[in-house]
């Protein structure tokens, strides 16, 4: 069973990675169009103009004039810009959704910042000899004894520094 500290550490890194990917995708999407299509032309995913988008549905009656797989192209100056709100399109044969990259960035960057701050605070408390649960000064309390204030069983110094 994973401990709370392991889950928090994993969540912190996942949120950080997703937020960084959103920033990198946003930067790329301002100048380039990147897309992937499956061989049946039923699914497509793209990034363009600050959006990440996807299309799904039945195969078109006539295959499009583009090949399946990845496509990378520079956006013409007239098409460069940033959209602010999600776009949803329903067609008889397919549906598509485009989400501005600032939305997943905010959803992941906020928790990542909070988790990084919490880990720094816990590390600082452990380093100065205070309880990581309530901040009680553990001077004179045994290294493995429970905190007299909150009852948290303190971990060894080597575990609190990881």
Protein backbone atom coordinates (compact mmCIF):
# COMPACT_ATOMS: atom_id res chain seq x y z
CA UNK A 1 0.00 0.00 0.00
CA UNK A 2 1.32 3.42 -0.91
CA UNK A 3 1.73 5.92 1.86
CA UNK A 4 0.31 9.43 1.84
CA UNK A 5 3.78 10.87 1.30
CA UNK A 6 4.37 8.69 -1.79
CA UNK A 7 1.01 9.63 -3.29
CA UNK A 8 1.68 13.33 -2.64
CA UNK A 9 5.16 13.10 -4.18
CA UNK A 10 3.85 11.27 -7.26
CA UNK A 11 0.96 13.72 -7.68
CA UNK A 12 3.36 16.64 -7.37
CA UNK A 13 5.53 15.34 -10.20
CA UNK A 14 2.60 14.39 -12.46
CA UNK A 15 1.01 17.84 -12.04
CA UNK A 16 4.37 19.53 -12.65
CA UNK A 17 4.99 17.48 -15.82
CA UNK A 18 1.50 18.16 -17.22
CA UNK A 19 1.76 21.90 -16.48
CA UNK A 20 5.18 22.04 -18.18
CA UNK A 21 3.80 20.10 -21.18
CA UNK A 22 0.93 22.60 -21.45
CA UNK A 23 3.39 25.50 -21.49
CA UNK A 24 5.58 23.81 -24.09
CA UNK A 25 2.55 22.89 -26.19
CA UNK A 26 1.27 26.44 -26.00
CA UNK A 27 4.61 27.84 -27.17
CA UNK A 28 4.77 25.39 -30.09
CA UNK A 29 1.13 25.93 -31.05
CA UNK A 30 1.60 29.65 -31.56
CA UNK A 31 3.86 29.05 -34.56
CA UNK A 32 3.19 25.47 -35.69
CA UNK A 33 0.38 23.05 -36.31
CA UNK A 34 0.99 19.50 -35.09
CA UNK A 35 -1.52 16.72 -35.76
CA UNK A 36 -1.92 12.96 -35.71
CA UNK A 37 -4.53 10.94 -37.62
CA UNK A 38 -5.21 7.23 -37.40
CA UNK A 39 -5.23 5.10 -40.54
CA UNK A 40 -9.05 4.79 -40.56
CA UNK A 41 -9.47 8.59 -40.38
CA UNK A 42 -11.85 8.14 -37.43
CA UNK A 43 -9.61 9.80 -34.84
CA UNK A 44 -7.43 12.90 -35.05
CA UNK A 45 -5.59 14.90 -32.39
CA UNK A 46 -3.98 18.29 -32.98
CA UNK A 47 -2.43 21.29 -31.29
CA UNK A 48 -2.78 24.74 -32.84
CA UNK A 49 -3.22 28.36 -31.76
CA UNK A 50 -3.10 27.67 -28.02
CA UNK A 51 -5.57 24.79 -28.31
CA UNK A 52 -5.35 21.04 -28.05
CA UNK A 53 -8.10 19.37 -30.01
CA UNK A 54 -9.52 16.04 -30.97
CA UNK A 55 -11.95 14.66 -33.54
CA UNK A 56 -13.70 11.33 -33.50
CA UNK A 57 -16.51 9.69 -35.41
CA UNK A 58 -17.22 7.48 -38.37
CA UNK A 59 -14.81 7.23 -41.27
CA UNK A 60 -15.38 9.76 -44.05
CA UNK A 61 -16.96 8.52 -47.28
CA UNK A 62 -13.91 9.54 -49.24
CA UNK A 63 -10.51 9.53 -47.54
CA UNK A 64 -9.00 12.96 -47.04
CA UNK A 65 -6.04 13.90 -49.22
CA UNK A 66 -3.65 13.65 -46.23
CA UNK A 67 -1.80 10.57 -45.03
CA UNK A 68 -2.34 8.94 -41.66
CA UNK A 69 0.23 9.58 -38.94
CA UNK A 70 1.93 12.75 -37.74
CA UNK A 71 1.87 16.06 -39.56
CA UNK A 72 3.89 19.13 -38.65
CA UNK A 73 3.52 22.46 -40.45
CA UNK A 74 4.27 26.11 -39.83
CA UNK A 75 1.15 28.21 -39.32
CA UNK A 76 0.69 31.03 -41.83
CA UNK A 77 0.87 34.47 -40.19
CA UNK A 78 -2.83 35.07 -40.90
CA UNK A 79 -3.80 31.97 -38.87
CA UNK A 80 -1.68 32.75 -35.81
CA UNK A 81 -3.61 33.75 -32.74
CA UNK A 82 -4.85 32.50 -29.42
CA UNK A 83 -8.35 31.38 -28.57
CA UNK A 84 -9.72 31.75 -25.07
CA UNK A 85 -12.73 29.45 -24.81
CA UNK A 86 -13.38 25.78 -25.64
CA UNK A 87 -14.92 24.93 -28.98
CA UNK A 88 -17.27 22.00 -29.59
CA UNK A 89 -18.41 21.02 -33.07
CA UNK A 90 -20.99 18.39 -34.00
CA UNK A 91 -21.19 17.16 -37.59
CA UNK A 92 -23.27 14.29 -38.96
CA UNK A 93 -20.20 12.04 -39.22
CA UNK A 94 -17.93 13.32 -36.44
CA UNK A 95 -17.58 15.42 -33.34
CA UNK A 96 -14.65 17.54 -32.25
CA UNK A 97 -13.53 19.35 -29.14
CA UNK A 98 -10.81 21.99 -28.73
CA UNK A 99 -9.66 23.05 -25.26
CA UNK A 100 -7.43 26.09 -24.72
CA UNK A 101 -4.16 25.01 -23.10
CA UNK A 102 -4.49 27.57 -20.30
CA UNK A 103 -7.30 25.48 -18.79
CA UNK A 104 -5.34 22.25 -18.16
CA UNK A 105 -2.36 24.40 -17.17
CA UNK A 106 -4.33 26.09 -14.38
CA UNK A 107 -5.91 22.82 -13.29
CA UNK A 108 -2.47 21.23 -12.84
CA UNK A 109 -0.19 24.17 -11.97
CA UNK A 110 -2.22 25.22 -8.92
CA UNK A 111 -2.07 21.83 -7.19
CA UNK A 112 1.57 21.37 -8.25
CA UNK A 113 2.55 24.69 -6.64
CA UNK A 114 0.62 23.81 -3.47
CA UNK A 115 2.23 20.34 -3.26
CA UNK A 116 5.75 21.74 -3.83
CA UNK A 117 5.14 24.33 -1.09
CA UNK A 118 3.79 21.69 1.30
CA UNK A 119 6.81 19.41 0.75
CA UNK A 120 9.21 22.31 1.33
CA UNK A 121 7.37 23.22 4.54
CA UNK A 122 7.46 19.63 5.82
CA UNK A 123 11.16 19.31 4.99
CA UNK A 124 11.90 22.56 6.82
CA UNK A 125 9.95 21.46 9.90
CA UNK A 126 11.75 18.11 9.99
CA UNK A 127 15.13 19.82 9.51
CA UNK A 128 14.67 22.17 12.48
CA UNK A 129 13.34 19.40 14.74
CA UNK A 130 9.61 20.15 14.71
CA UNK A 131 6.67 17.81 14.23
CA UNK A 132 5.63 17.62 10.57
CA UNK A 133 1.99 17.23 11.58
CA UNK A 134 1.47 20.25 13.84
CA UNK A 135 4.80 22.13 14.08
CA UNK A 136 5.31 21.29 17.79
CA UNK A 137 8.93 21.68 18.93
CA UNK A 138 10.15 18.11 19.49
CA UNK A 139 13.21 19.13 21.53
CA UNK A 140 13.60 16.59 24.34
CA UNK A 141 11.20 14.09 22.76
CA UNK A 142 12.65 10.77 21.55
CA UNK A 143 13.39 10.43 17.85
CA UNK A 144 10.76 7.72 17.30
CA UNK A 145 8.29 8.85 19.98
CA UNK A 146 4.83 10.12 19.07
CA UNK A 147 4.29 13.86 19.10
CA UNK A 148 2.75 14.86 22.47
CA UNK A 149 0.62 17.52 20.73
CA UNK A 150 -0.95 15.67 17.76
CA UNK A 151 0.11 12.02 18.22
CA UNK A 152 1.90 11.70 14.86
CA UNK A 153 4.59 9.03 14.93
CA UNK A 154 7.70 10.80 13.66
CA UNK A 155 9.72 9.10 10.95
CA UNK A 156 13.45 8.77 11.11
CA UNK A 157 15.50 11.78 9.92
CA UNK A 158 16.66 9.87 6.85
CA UNK A 159 13.05 9.28 5.73
CA UNK A 160 12.00 12.90 6.27
CA UNK A 161 14.85 14.16 4.04
CA UNK A 162 13.88 12.10 0.99
